[in-house]
Amino acid sequence: MSGNRRPTIKTVAARAGVGRTTVSRVVNGSELVSADARARVLAAIKELNYVPNSVARGLVTNRTNAVALVIPESESRLGSEPFFAALIRGVSGALADSRTQLQLMLVRDQAERDQLTESVATRRVDGVLLVSVHSKDRLPGMLEEMGLPTVLAGRRDAGEQLSYVNADNAGGATAAVRHLLERGRRRVATITGPLDMDVSRNRLAGWHTAHREANVPASELLVEEGDFTEASGTRAMRSLLERAPDLDAVFAASDLMAVGALTELKRQKRQVPRDVAVAGFEDSVLARHTSPPLTTVRQPVEELGRTMARILTDITQHGAPRRQVTLPTELVVREST
């Protein structure tokens, strides 16, 4: 073979005395290969210096030194929601120390889901960090079946088996609603996130808990579902005011939805906090720049991203067991309450 020509899967197969399918299986980490054939293929790869892509490059260590951050959301949400920017900062900062490459993958439709499946099947990444997890999302189960180390931001439900990093959503929501009730508010509404997400159900549970602790009835008329966007906060606030015009406070399960609620309250000439007190959840940069500044629950989003990345690298590089971590939250009181 000419020294100027790169070896191909065909030349590796010929040198090892096996078929190209066998070489492909070895490269892709399949177990459907005998120990003898695997050894011959690996020896041929080493002898020929066969390095077609990151998968082959990582054969000796079984690593590609790359992980995927998978976000099943649109570019518009990725760009407009401070949560994602903070999470990415945390993840990339933690991975920089380990010289691990971060691949950002948006999974918005079946074609992109198929692309992710191919990346996983061919082991182009060592593991996956998965964000925006919904209860019936098949993606975490698919990744688990493929044996790819996966760490979730949040969890699907209380029985989650995969590694995850979560904030204390119920505790943070309880603290926010308790604060509103202690300020003398008695008709405290809530704008939830999508209720097929554990994070939303837990923040709603915190709303219920605070009412129960204060012996104040929690009317379901005061609950409206949003989707964590500003527009959904505006719509939800409008619906709540139509159903319960006497409400005197609202806890929104995200700062963005709280911003939407403030917009609708201003449109309806309700003074904040005199007429309606407003609290959010996250303590994003938005919270300090609303009018009035927003009382909110601080969740350490960058730390959540860093912790996810560290757990994943511990698993992929050191064989560490799965971990499930819940980070504390903190109430930050500002002028909106």
C-alpha atoms as a PDB file:
ATOM      1  CA  MET A   1       0.000   0.000   0.000  1.00  0.00           C
ATOM      2  CA  SER A   2       1.306   3.461  -0.851  1.00  0.00           C
ATOM      3  CA  GLY A   3       2.487   5.423   2.139  1.00  0.00           C
ATOM      4  CA  ASN A   4       0.476   8.427   0.972  1.00  0.00           C
ATOM      5  CA  ARG A   5      -2.870   6.642   1.017  1.00  0.00           C
ATOM      6  CA  ARG A   6      -4.898   6.565   4.216  1.00  0.00           C
ATOM      7  CA  PRO A   7      -5.938   3.080   5.277  1.00  0.00           C
ATOM      8  CA  THR A   8      -9.629   2.258   4.896  1.00  0.00           C
ATOM      9  CA  ILE A   9     -11.968  -0.121   6.645  1.00  0.00           C
ATOM     10  CA  LYS A  10     -11.344  -2.496   3.715  1.00  0.00           C
ATOM     11  CA  THR A  11      -7.555  -2.539   4.273  1.00  0.00           C
ATOM     12  CA  VAL A  12      -8.044  -3.077   8.005  1.00  0.00           C
ATOM     13  CA  ALA A  13     -10.364  -6.021   7.267  1.00  0.00           C
ATOM     14  CA  ALA A  14      -7.832  -7.527   4.845  1.00  0.00           C
ATOM     15  CA  ARG A  15      -4.950  -7.165   7.327  1.00  0.00           C
ATOM     16  CA  ALA A  16      -7.000  -8.695  10.155  1.00  0.00           C
ATOM     17  CA  GLY A  17      -8.412 -11.478   7.977  1.00  0.00           C
ATOM     18  CA  VAL A  18     -12.023 -10.582   8.737  1.00  0.00           C
ATOM     19  CA  GLY A  19     -14.938  -8.998   6.918  1.00  0.00           C
ATOM     20  CA  ARG A  20     -15.639  -5.285   6.846  1.00  0.00           C
ATOM     21  CA  THR A  21     -18.757  -5.837   8.962  1.00  0.00           C
ATOM     22  CA  THR A  22     -16.587  -7.251  11.732  1.00  0.00           C
ATOM     23  CA  VAL A  23     -14.299  -4.205  11.627  1.00  0.00           C
ATOM     24  CA  SER A  24     -17.350  -1.943  11.767  1.00  0.00           C
ATOM     25  CA  ARG A  25     -18.677  -3.826  14.793  1.00  0.00           C
ATOM     26  CA  VAL A  26     -15.367  -3.487  16.607  1.00  0.00           C
ATOM     27  CA  VAL A  27     -15.193   0.234  15.808  1.00  0.00           C
ATOM     28  CA  ASN A  28     -18.757   0.730  17.065  1.00  0.00           C
ATOM     29  CA  GLY A  29     -18.211  -1.235  20.266  1.00  0.00           C
ATOM     30  CA  SER A  30     -20.584  -4.075  19.412  1.00  0.00           C
ATOM     31  CA  GLU A  31     -20.405  -7.228  21.532  1.00  0.00           C
ATOM     32  CA  LEU A  32     -21.242  -9.410  18.497  1.00  0.00           C
ATOM     33  CA  VAL A  33     -17.541 -10.076  17.850  1.00  0.00           C
ATOM     34  CA  SER A  34     -15.358 -12.896  19.166  1.00  0.00           C
ATOM     35  CA  ALA A  35     -12.434 -11.996  21.398  1.00  0.00           C
ATOM     36  CA  ASP A  36      -9.976 -13.350  18.807  1.00  0.00           C
ATOM     37  CA  ALA A  37     -11.462 -11.310  15.946  1.00  0.00           C
ATOM     38  CA  ARG A  38     -11.583  -8.183  18.111  1.00  0.00           C
ATOM     39  CA  ALA A  39      -7.904  -8.590  19.024  1.00  0.00           C
ATOM     40  CA  ARG A  40      -6.901  -9.014  15.371  1.00  0.00           C
ATOM     41  CA  VAL A  41      -8.910  -5.985  14.277  1.00  0.00           C
ATOM     42  CA  LEU A  42      -7.450  -3.809  17.028  1.00  0.00           C
ATOM     43  CA  ALA A  43      -3.945  -4.979  16.131  1.00  0.00           C
ATOM     44  CA  ALA A  44      -4.549  -4.136  12.462  1.00  0.00           C
ATOM     45  CA  ILE A  45      -5.948  -0.723  13.352  1.00  0.00           C
ATOM     46  CA  LYS A  46      -2.873   0.008  15.434  1.00  0.00           C
ATOM     47  CA  GLU A  47      -0.452  -1.306  12.793  1.00  0.00           C
ATOM     48  CA  LEU A  48      -2.091   0.659   9.967  1.00  0.00           C
ATOM     49  CA  ASN A  49      -2.735   3.753  12.103  1.00  0.00           C
ATOM     50  CA  TYR A  50      -6.351   3.653  10.974  1.00  0.00           C
ATOM     51  CA  VAL A  51      -8.051   6.797  12.354  1.00  0.00           C
ATOM     52  CA  PRO A  52     -11.140   7.644  10.274  1.00  0.00           C
ATOM     53  CA  ASN A  53     -12.968   9.613  12.939  1.00  0.00           C
ATOM     54  CA  SER A  54     -13.320  10.228  16.647  1.00  0.00           C
ATOM     55  CA  VAL A  55     -14.754   6.763  17.214  1.00  0.00           C
ATOM     56  CA  ALA A  56     -11.661   4.978  15.894  1.00  0.00           C
ATOM     57  CA  ARG A  57      -9.374   7.471  17.580  1.00  0.00           C
ATOM     58  CA  GLY A  58     -10.872   6.503  20.907  1.00  0.00           C
ATOM     59  CA  LEU A  59     -10.628   2.730  20.462  1.00  0.00           C
ATOM     60  CA  VAL A  60      -7.658   2.234  22.748  1.00  0.00           C
ATOM     61  CA  THR A  61      -9.302   4.148  25.581  1.00  0.00           C
ATOM     62  CA  ASN A  62     -12.892   3.462  24.428  1.00  0.00           C
ATOM     63  CA  ARG A  63     -13.403   7.238  24.621  1.00  0.00           C
ATOM     64  CA  THR A  64     -13.946  10.038  22.124  1.00  0.00           C
ATOM     65  CA  ASN A  65     -13.361  12.854  24.648  1.00  0.00           C
ATOM     66  CA  ALA A  66     -16.648  14.403  23.542  1.00  0.00           C
ATOM     67  CA  VAL A  67     -20.046  14.640  25.232  1.00  0.00           C
ATOM     68  CA  ALA A  68     -23.373  15.863  23.863  1.00  0.00           C
ATOM     69  CA  LEU A  69     -25.575  18.433  25.564  1.00  0.00           C
ATOM     70  CA  VAL A  70     -29.014  17.583  24.185  1.00  0.00           C
ATOM     71  CA  ILE A  71     -31.739  20.223  24.392  1.00  0.00           C
ATOM     72  CA  PRO A  72     -35.117  19.285  22.847  1.00  0.00           C
ATOM     73  CA  GLU A  73     -36.108  22.913  22.281  1.00  0.00           C
ATOM     74  CA  SER A  74     -36.077  25.441  19.420  1.00  0.00           C
ATOM     75  CA  GLU A  75     -33.299  27.963  18.728  1.00  0.00           C
ATOM     76  CA  SER A  76     -35.661  30.776  19.746  1.00  0.00           C
ATOM     77  CA  ARG A  77     -36.172  29.321  23.218  1.00  0.00           C
ATOM     78  CA  LEU A  78     -32.493  28.529  23.539  1.00  0.00           C
ATOM     79  CA  GLY A  79     -31.691  32.165  22.815  1.00  0.00           C
ATOM     80  CA  SER A  80     -34.469  33.796  24.835  1.00  0.00           C
ATOM     81  CA  GLU A  81     -34.408  31.824  28.087  1.00  0.00           C
ATOM     82  CA  PRO A  82     -31.576  32.730  30.497  1.00  0.00           C
ATOM     83  CA  PHE A  83     -31.736  29.224  32.018  1.00  0.00           C
ATOM     84  CA  PHE A  84     -30.136  27.613  28.974  1.00  0.00           C
ATOM     85  CA  ALA A  85     -27.308  30.161  28.711  1.00  0.00           C
ATOM     86  CA  ALA A  86     -26.418  29.715  32.379  1.00  0.00           C
ATOM     87  CA  LEU A  87     -26.572  25.928  32.124  1.00  0.00           C
ATOM     88  CA  ILE A  88     -24.292  25.884  29.069  1.00  0.00           C
ATOM     89  CA  ARG A  89     -21.781  28.149  30.875  1.00  0.00           C
ATOM     90  CA  GLY A  90     -21.687  25.738  33.790  1.00  0.00           C
ATOM     91  CA  VAL A  91     -21.304  22.641  31.617  1.00  0.00           C
ATOM     92  CA  SER A  92     -18.616  24.096  29.343  1.00  0.00           C
ATOM     93  CA  GLY A  93     -16.644  25.477  32.276  1.00  0.00           C
ATOM     94  CA  ALA A  94     -16.521  22.092  33.997  1.00  0.00           C
ATOM     95  CA  LEU A  95     -15.602  20.235  30.804  1.00  0.00           C
ATOM     96  CA  ALA A  96     -12.786  22.645  29.912  1.00  0.00           C
ATOM     97  CA  ASP A  97     -10.667  21.319  32.794  1.00  0.00           C
ATOM     98  CA  SER A  98     -10.902  17.759  31.455  1.00  0.00           C
ATOM     99  CA  ARG A  99     -10.215  18.700  27.802  1.00  0.00           C
ATOM    100  CA  THR A 100     -13.580  17.227  26.853  1.00  0.00           C
ATOM    101  CA  GLN A 101     -15.304  18.611  23.775  1.00  0.00           C
ATOM    102  CA  LEU A 102     -18.917  19.743  24.132  1.00  0.00           C
ATOM    103  CA  GLN A 103     -21.353  19.099  21.280  1.00  0.00           C
ATOM    104  CA  LEU A 104     -24.610  21.040  21.519  1.00  0.00           C
ATOM    105  CA  MET A 105     -27.497  19.180  19.888  1.00  0.00           C
ATOM    106  CA  LEU A 106     -31.006  20.591  19.487  1.00  0.00           C
ATOM    107  CA  VAL A 107     -33.559  17.821  19.025  1.00  0.00           C
ATOM    108  CA  ARG A 108     -36.716  19.407  17.638  1.00  0.00           C
ATOM    109  CA  ASP A 109     -38.081  16.795  15.247  1.00  0.00           C
ATOM    110  CA  GLN A 110     -37.770  13.169  14.216  1.00  0.00           C
ATOM    111  CA  ALA A 111     -34.911  13.864  11.776  1.00  0.00           C
ATOM    112  CA  GLU A 112     -32.798  15.382  14.540  1.00  0.00           C
ATOM    113  CA  ARG A 113     -33.764  12.556  16.895  1.00  0.00           C
ATOM    114  CA  ASP A 114     -32.542  10.100  14.241  1.00  0.00           C
ATOM    115  CA  GLN A 115     -29.289  12.054  13.968  1.00  0.00           C
ATOM    116  CA  LEU A 116     -28.814  11.804  17.726  1.00  0.00           C
ATOM    117  CA  THR A 117     -29.535   8.070  17.582  1.00  0.00           C
ATOM    118  CA  GLU A 118     -26.844   7.652  14.927  1.00  0.00           C
ATOM    119  CA  SER A 119     -24.314   9.603  16.988  1.00  0.00           C
ATOM    120  CA  VAL A 120     -25.071   7.420  19.986  1.00  0.00           C
ATOM    121  CA  ALA A 121     -25.034   4.154  18.017  1.00  0.00           C
ATOM    122  CA  THR A 122     -21.641   4.937  16.488  1.00  0.00           C
ATOM    123  CA  ARG A 123     -20.287   6.193  19.808  1.00  0.00           C
ATOM    124  CA  ARG A 124     -19.309   9.626  18.518  1.00  0.00           C
ATOM    125  CA  VAL A 125     -19.780  10.856  22.083  1.00  0.00           C
ATOM    126  CA  ASP A 126     -18.857   9.324  25.430  1.00  0.00           C
ATOM    127  CA  GLY A 127     -22.048  10.415  27.135  1.00  0.00           C
ATOM    128  CA  VAL A 128     -25.076  12.700  27.064  1.00  0.00           C
ATOM    129  CA  LEU A 129     -26.308  15.586  29.200  1.00  0.00           C
ATOM    130  CA  LEU A 130     -30.068  15.837  28.665  1.00  0.00           C
ATOM    131  CA  VAL A 131     -32.143  18.948  29.424  1.00  0.00           C
ATOM    132  CA  SER A 132     -35.906  19.698  29.432  1.00  0.00           C
ATOM    133  CA  VAL A 133     -37.001  16.208  30.421  1.00  0.00           C
ATOM    134  CA  HIS A 134     -40.702  15.379  30.105  1.00  0.00           C
ATOM    135  CA  SER A 135     -42.333  12.419  31.873  1.00  0.00           C
ATOM    136  CA  LYS A 136     -43.106  10.389  28.747  1.00  0.00           C
ATOM    137  CA  ASP A 137     -39.983  11.357  26.813  1.00  0.00           C
ATOM    138  CA  ARG A 138     -38.572   8.190  25.241  1.00  0.00           C
ATOM    139  CA  LEU A 139     -35.114   9.685  24.780  1.00  0.00           C
ATOM    140  CA  PRO A 140     -33.707   8.887  28.255  1.00  0.00           C
ATOM    141  CA  GLY A 141     -34.856   5.266  27.967  1.00  0.00           C
ATOM    142  CA  MET A 142     -33.365   4.968  24.490  1.00  0.00           C
ATOM    143  CA  LEU A 143     -30.004   6.263  25.712  1.00  0.00           C
ATOM    144  CA  GLU A 144     -30.104   3.862  28.655  1.00  0.00           C
ATOM    145  CA  GLU A 145     -30.860   0.894  26.377  1.00  0.00           C
ATOM    146  CA  MET A 146     -27.870   1.822  24.234  1.00  0.00           C
ATOM    147  CA  GLY A 147     -25.666   1.777  27.321  1.00  0.00           C
ATOM    148  CA  LEU A 148     -24.586   5.402  26.926  1.00  0.00           C
ATOM    149  CA  PRO A 149     -23.858   7.227  30.205  1.00  0.00           C
ATOM    150  CA  THR A 150     -26.530   9.894  30.628  1.00  0.00           C
ATOM    151  CA  VAL A 151     -27.099  12.659  33.180  1.00  0.00           C
ATOM    152  CA  LEU A 152     -30.398  14.534  33.286  1.00  0.00           C
ATOM    153  CA  ALA A 153     -31.094  18.120  34.265  1.00  0.00           C
ATOM    154  CA  GLY A 154     -34.024  17.340  36.517  1.00  0.00           C
ATOM    155  CA  ARG A 155     -35.788  13.984  36.394  1.00  0.00           C
ATOM    156  CA  ARG A 156     -38.785  12.334  34.795  1.00  0.00           C
ATOM    157  CA  ASP A 157     -40.428  11.444  38.112  1.00  0.00           C
ATOM    158  CA  ALA A 158     -39.652  10.556  41.712  1.00  0.00           C
ATOM    159  CA  GLY A 159     -38.643   7.022  40.684  1.00  0.00           C
ATOM    160  CA  GLU A 160     -35.924   8.174  38.263  1.00  0.00           C
ATOM    161  CA  GLN A 161     -33.145   5.591  37.846  1.00  0.00           C
ATOM    162  CA  LEU A 162     -30.695   7.600  35.732  1.00  0.00           C
ATOM    163  CA  SER A 163     -28.188  10.088  37.105  1.00  0.00           C
ATOM    164  CA  TYR A 164     -29.631  13.574  37.500  1.00  0.00           C
ATOM    165  CA  VAL A 165     -29.005  16.977  39.036  1.00  0.00           C
ATOM    166  CA  ASN A 166     -32.062  18.807  40.293  1.00  0.00           C
ATOM    167  CA  ALA A 167     -32.876  21.944  42.253  1.00  0.00           C
ATOM    168  CA  ASP A 168     -35.053  21.776  45.368  1.00  0.00           C
ATOM    169  CA  ASN A 169     -38.120  22.770  43.387  1.00  0.00           C
ATOM    170  CA  ALA A 170     -40.758  21.937  45.984  1.00  0.00           C
ATOM    171  CA  GLY A 171     -38.805  23.579  48.812  1.00  0.00           C
ATOM    172  CA  GLY A 172     -38.122  26.718  46.801  1.00  0.00           C
ATOM    173  CA  ALA A 173     -41.755  27.082  45.752  1.00  0.00           C
ATOM    174  CA  THR A 174     -42.923  26.528  49.328  1.00  0.00           C
ATOM    175  CA  ALA A 175     -40.611  29.304  50.519  1.00  0.00           C
ATOM    176  CA  ALA A 176     -41.895  31.744  47.892  1.00  0.00           C
ATOM    177  CA  VAL A 177     -45.585  31.098  48.560  1.00  0.00           C
ATOM    178  CA  ARG A 178     -45.033  31.062  52.337  1.00  0.00           C
ATOM    179  CA  HIS A 179     -43.462  34.519  51.971  1.00  0.00           C
ATOM    180  CA  LEU A 180     -46.521  35.783  50.069  1.00  0.00           C
ATOM    181  CA  LEU A 181     -48.904  34.371  52.677  1.00  0.00           C
ATOM    182  CA  GLU A 182     -46.836  35.836  55.524  1.00  0.00           C
ATOM    183  CA  ARG A 183     -47.176  39.231  53.832  1.00  0.00           C
ATOM    184  CA  GLY A 184     -50.937  38.908  54.328  1.00  0.00           C
ATOM    185  CA  ARG A 185     -51.902  37.716  50.852  1.00  0.00           C
ATOM    186  CA  ARG A 186     -54.794  35.277  50.867  1.00  0.00           C
ATOM    187  CA  ARG A 187     -55.646  34.694  47.196  1.00  0.00           C
ATOM    188  CA  VAL A 188     -52.280  33.463  45.916  1.00  0.00           C
ATOM    189  CA  ALA A 189     -52.464  32.167  42.351  1.00  0.00           C
ATOM    190  CA  THR A 190     -49.775  30.166  40.568  1.00  0.00           C
ATOM    191  CA  ILE A 191     -48.648  29.860  36.968  1.00  0.00           C
ATOM    192  CA  THR A 192     -47.125  26.412  36.558  1.00  0.00           C
ATOM    193  CA  GLY A 193     -44.787  25.028  33.947  1.00  0.00           C
ATOM    194  CA  PRO A 194     -45.902  22.082  31.755  1.00  0.00           C
ATOM    195  CA  LEU A 195     -47.378  19.540  34.142  1.00  0.00           C
ATOM    196  CA  ASP A 196     -45.836  16.617  32.265  1.00  0.00           C
ATOM    197  CA  MET A 197     -42.521  17.770  33.768  1.00  0.00           C
ATOM    198  CA  ASP A 198     -41.409  16.798  37.272  1.00  0.00           C
ATOM    199  CA  VAL A 199     -40.019  20.299  37.880  1.00  0.00           C
ATOM    200  CA  SER A 200     -43.458  21.826  37.299  1.00  0.00           C
ATOM    201  CA  ARG A 201     -45.307  19.295  39.428  1.00  0.00           C
ATOM    202  CA  ASN A 202     -42.888  19.851  42.298  1.00  0.00           C
ATOM    203  CA  ARG A 203     -43.213  23.634  42.166  1.00  0.00           C
ATOM    204  CA  LEU A 204     -46.988  23.226  42.176  1.00  0.00           C
ATOM    205  CA  ALA A 205     -46.645  20.855  45.143  1.00  0.00           C
ATOM    206  CA  GLY A 206     -44.734  23.610  46.966  1.00  0.00           C
ATOM    207  CA  TRP A 207     -47.632  26.008  46.343  1.00  0.00           C
ATOM    208  CA  HIS A 208     -49.991  23.469  47.915  1.00  0.00           C
ATOM    209  CA  THR A 209     -47.646  22.828  50.857  1.00  0.00           C
ATOM    210  CA  ALA A 210     -47.375  26.510  51.792  1.00  0.00           C
ATOM    211  CA  HIS A 211     -51.167  26.874  51.760  1.00  0.00           C
ATOM    212  CA  ARG A 212     -51.562  23.746  53.873  1.00  0.00           C
ATOM    213  CA  GLU A 213     -48.997  24.983  56.415  1.00  0.00           C
ATOM    214  CA  ALA A 214     -50.815  28.327  56.708  1.00  0.00           C
ATOM    215  CA  ASN A 215     -54.277  26.721  56.873  1.00  0.00           C
ATOM    216  CA  VAL A 216     -55.309  28.791  53.851  1.00  0.00           C
ATOM    217  CA  PRO A 217     -57.529  27.070  51.228  1.00  0.00           C
ATOM    218  CA  ALA A 218     -55.742  26.446  47.908  1.00  0.00           C
ATOM    219  CA  SER A 219     -58.351  26.860  45.197  1.00  0.00           C
ATOM    220  CA  GLU A 220     -57.756  25.117  41.868  1.00  0.00           C
ATOM    221  CA  LEU A 221     -59.301  28.212  40.256  1.00  0.00           C
ATOM    222  CA  LEU A 222     -56.019  29.911  41.114  1.00  0.00           C
ATOM    223  CA  VAL A 223     -53.871  27.443  39.106  1.00  0.00           C
ATOM    224  CA  GLU A 224     -53.056  28.070  35.436  1.00  0.00           C
ATOM    225  CA  GLU A 225     -50.580  26.091  33.330  1.00  0.00           C
ATOM    226  CA  GLY A 226     -47.880  27.791  31.255  1.00  0.00           C
ATOM    227  CA  ASP A 227     -44.828  26.527  29.402  1.00  0.00           C
ATOM    228  CA  PHE A 228     -42.008  28.573  31.017  1.00  0.00           C
ATOM    229  CA  THR A 229     -42.151  31.241  28.276  1.00  0.00           C
ATOM    230  CA  GLU A 230     -42.948  34.926  28.745  1.00  0.00           C
ATOM    231  CA  ALA A 231     -45.928  34.726  26.388  1.00  0.00           C
ATOM    232  CA  SER A 232     -47.455  31.866  28.383  1.00  0.00           C
ATOM    233  CA  GLY A 233     -47.071  33.938  31.561  1.00  0.00           C
ATOM    234  CA  THR A 234     -49.025  36.766  29.975  1.00  0.00           C
ATOM    235  CA  ARG A 235     -51.787  34.426  28.776  1.00  0.00           C
ATOM    236  CA  ALA A 236     -51.996  32.645  32.120  1.00  0.00           C
ATOM    237  CA  MET A 237     -52.187  35.899  34.083  1.00  0.00           C
ATOM    238  CA  ARG A 238     -55.031  37.068  31.847  1.00  0.00           C
ATOM    239  CA  SER A 239     -56.941  33.813  32.413  1.00  0.00           C
ATOM    240  CA  LEU A 240     -56.401  33.959  36.172  1.00  0.00           C
ATOM    241  CA  LEU A 241     -57.689  37.536  36.407  1.00  0.00           C
ATOM    242  CA  GLU A 242     -60.789  36.582  34.412  1.00  0.00           C
ATOM    243  CA  ARG A 243     -61.512  33.638  36.738  1.00  0.00           C
ATOM    244  CA  ALA A 244     -60.400  35.216  40.012  1.00  0.00           C
ATOM    245  CA  PRO A 245     -60.365  39.026  39.751  1.00  0.00           C
ATOM    246  CA  ASP A 246     -59.873  39.227  43.541  1.00  0.00           C
ATOM    247  CA  LEU A 247     -56.496  37.435  43.521  1.00  0.00           C
ATOM    248  CA  ASP A 248     -53.860  39.397  45.404  1.00  0.00           C
ATOM    249  CA  ALA A 249     -50.639  37.507  44.577  1.00  0.00           C
ATOM    250  CA  VAL A 250     -49.171  35.172  41.972  1.00  0.00           C
ATOM    251  CA  PHE A 251     -46.270  32.757  42.138  1.00  0.00           C
ATOM    252  CA  ALA A 252     -44.911  32.033  38.644  1.00  0.00           C
ATOM    253  CA  ALA A 253     -42.825  28.878  38.258  1.00  0.00           C
ATOM    254  CA  SER A 254     -40.199  30.754  36.214  1.00  0.00           C
ATOM    255  CA  ASP A 255     -38.911  34.318  36.028  1.00  0.00           C
ATOM    256  CA  LEU A 256     -39.863  34.545  32.352  1.00  0.00           C
ATOM    257  CA  MET A 257     -43.474  33.681  33.133  1.00  0.00           C
ATOM    258  CA  ALA A 258     -43.373  36.223  35.983  1.00  0.00           C
ATOM    259  CA  VAL A 259     -42.249  38.865  33.460  1.00  0.00           C
ATOM    260  CA  GLY A 260     -45.242  37.950  31.307  1.00  0.00           C
ATOM    261  CA  ALA A 261     -47.521  38.205  34.336  1.00  0.00           C
ATOM    262  CA  LEU A 262     -46.140  41.669  35.177  1.00  0.00           C
ATOM    263  CA  THR A 263     -46.871  42.792  31.610  1.00  0.00           C
ATOM    264  CA  GLU A 264     -50.514  41.709  31.856  1.00  0.00           C
ATOM    265  CA  LEU A 265     -50.968  43.224  35.318  1.00  0.00           C
ATOM    266  CA  LYS A 266     -49.640  46.533  34.015  1.00  0.00           C
ATOM    267  CA  ARG A 267     -51.980  46.324  31.013  1.00  0.00           C
ATOM    268  CA  GLN A 268     -54.925  45.818  33.377  1.00  0.00           C
ATOM    269  CA  LYS A 269     -53.708  48.685  35.581  1.00  0.00           C
ATOM    270  CA  ARG A 270     -53.052  46.463  38.603  1.00  0.00           C
ATOM    271  CA  GLN A 271     -50.317  47.956  40.788  1.00  0.00           C
ATOM    272  CA  VAL A 272     -47.465  45.642  41.858  1.00  0.00           C
ATOM    273  CA  PRO A 273     -47.154  44.916  44.729  1.00  0.00           C
ATOM    274  CA  ARG A 274     -50.014  47.087  46.087  1.00  0.00           C
ATOM    275  CA  ASP A 275     -52.785  45.228  44.249  1.00  0.00           C
ATOM    276  CA  VAL A 276     -51.010  42.014  43.289  1.00  0.00           C
ATOM    277  CA  ALA A 277     -47.677  40.730  44.607  1.00  0.00           C
ATOM    278  CA  VAL A 278     -45.571  38.716  42.146  1.00  0.00           C
ATOM    279  CA  ALA A 279     -42.841  36.114  42.751  1.00  0.00           C
ATOM    280  CA  GLY A 280     -40.876  34.027  40.271  1.00  0.00           C
ATOM    281  CA  PHE A 281     -38.401  31.148  40.229  1.00  0.00           C
ATOM    282  CA  GLU A 282     -34.767  31.062  39.034  1.00  0.00           C
ATOM    283  CA  ASP A 283     -33.265  34.473  39.899  1.00  0.00           C
ATOM    284  CA  SER A 284     -32.128  35.045  36.337  1.00  0.00           C
ATOM    285  CA  VAL A 285     -30.665  38.389  35.289  1.00  0.00           C
ATOM    286  CA  LEU A 286     -34.206  39.393  34.297  1.00  0.00           C
ATOM    287  CA  ALA A 287     -35.332  39.434  37.929  1.00  0.00           C
ATOM    288  CA  ARG A 288     -33.152  42.429  38.806  1.00  0.00           C
ATOM    289  CA  HIS A 289     -34.369  44.486  35.853  1.00  0.00           C
ATOM    290  CA  THR A 290     -38.147  44.148  35.989  1.00  0.00           C
ATOM    291  CA  SER A 291     -40.287  47.013  37.248  1.00  0.00           C
ATOM    292  CA  PRO A 292     -40.491  46.556  40.163  1.00  0.00           C
ATOM    293  CA  PRO A 293     -37.511  44.192  40.722  1.00  0.00           C
ATOM    294  CA  LEU A 294     -38.760  40.627  41.104  1.00  0.00           C
ATOM    295  CA  THR A 295     -38.876  38.548  44.262  1.00  0.00           C
ATOM    296  CA  THR A 296     -37.812  35.084  43.170  1.00  0.00           C
ATOM    297  CA  VAL A 297     -36.294  31.756  44.163  1.00  0.00           C
ATOM    298  CA  ARG A 298     -32.620  31.488  43.298  1.00  0.00           C
ATOM    299  CA  GLN A 299     -31.641  28.166  41.796  1.00  0.00           C
ATOM    300  CA  PRO A 300     -27.925  27.686  41.055  1.00  0.00           C
ATOM    301  CA  VAL A 301     -28.222  26.994  37.319  1.00  0.00           C
ATOM    302  CA  GLU A 302     -24.506  27.261  36.514  1.00  0.00           C
ATOM    303  CA  GLU A 303     -23.700  24.975  39.434  1.00  0.00           C
ATOM    304  CA  LEU A 304     -26.350  22.569  38.150  1.00  0.00           C
ATOM    305  CA  GLY A 305     -24.562  22.480  34.788  1.00  0.00           C
ATOM    306  CA  ARG A 306     -21.138  22.053  36.408  1.00  0.00           C
ATOM    307  CA  THR A 307     -22.387  19.224  38.595  1.00  0.00           C
ATOM    308  CA  MET A 308     -23.979  17.434  35.635  1.00  0.00           C
ATOM    309  CA  ALA A 309     -20.713  17.626  33.690  1.00  0.00           C
ATOM    310  CA  ARG A 310     -18.633  16.388  36.632  1.00  0.00           C
ATOM    311  CA  ILE A 311     -20.927  13.425  37.251  1.00  0.00           C
ATOM    312  CA  LEU A 312     -20.773  12.472  33.577  1.00  0.00           C
ATOM    313  CA  THR A 313     -16.970  12.726  33.357  1.00  0.00           C
ATOM    314  CA  ASP A 314     -16.647  10.719  36.583  1.00  0.00           C
ATOM    315  CA  ILE A 315     -18.723   7.982  34.965  1.00  0.00           C
ATOM    316  CA  THR A 316     -17.067   8.045  31.532  1.00  0.00           C
ATOM    317  CA  GLN A 317     -13.473   8.514  32.681  1.00  0.00           C
ATOM    318  CA  HIS A 318     -13.408   6.730  36.036  1.00  0.00           C
ATOM    319  CA  GLY A 319     -16.290   4.255  35.928  1.00  0.00           C
ATOM    320  CA  ALA A 320     -18.063   5.966  38.826  1.00  0.00           C
ATOM    321  CA  PRO A 321     -21.603   4.812  39.734  1.00  0.00           C
ATOM    322  CA  ARG A 322     -24.722   6.808  38.941  1.00  0.00           C
ATOM    323  CA  ARG A 323     -25.441   9.797  41.166  1.00  0.00           C
ATOM    324  CA  GLN A 324     -28.563  11.797  41.925  1.00  0.00           C
ATOM    325  CA  VAL A 325     -28.020  15.283  43.370  1.00  0.00           C
ATOM    326  CA  THR A 326     -30.483  17.923  44.591  1.00  0.00           C
ATOM    327  CA  LEU A 327     -29.089  21.445  44.936  1.00  0.00           C
ATOM    328  CA  PRO A 328     -30.513  23.918  47.498  1.00  0.00           C
ATOM    329  CA  THR A 329     -32.558  26.979  46.527  1.00  0.00           C
ATOM    330  CA  GLU A 330     -32.853  30.360  48.226  1.00  0.00           C
ATOM    331  CA  LEU A 331     -35.610  32.967  48.378  1.00  0.00           C
ATOM    332  CA  VAL A 332     -34.494  36.426  47.204  1.00  0.00           C
ATOM    333  CA  VAL A 333     -36.919  39.153  48.306  1.00  0.00           C
ATOM    334  CA  ARG A 334     -37.237  42.284  46.165  1.00  0.00           C
ATOM    335  CA  GLU A 335     -39.812  45.031  45.623  1.00  0.00           C
ATOM    336  CA  SER A 336     -42.441  42.994  43.708  1.00  0.00           C
ATOM    337  CA  THR A 337     -43.793  41.525  46.964  1.00  0.00           C
END
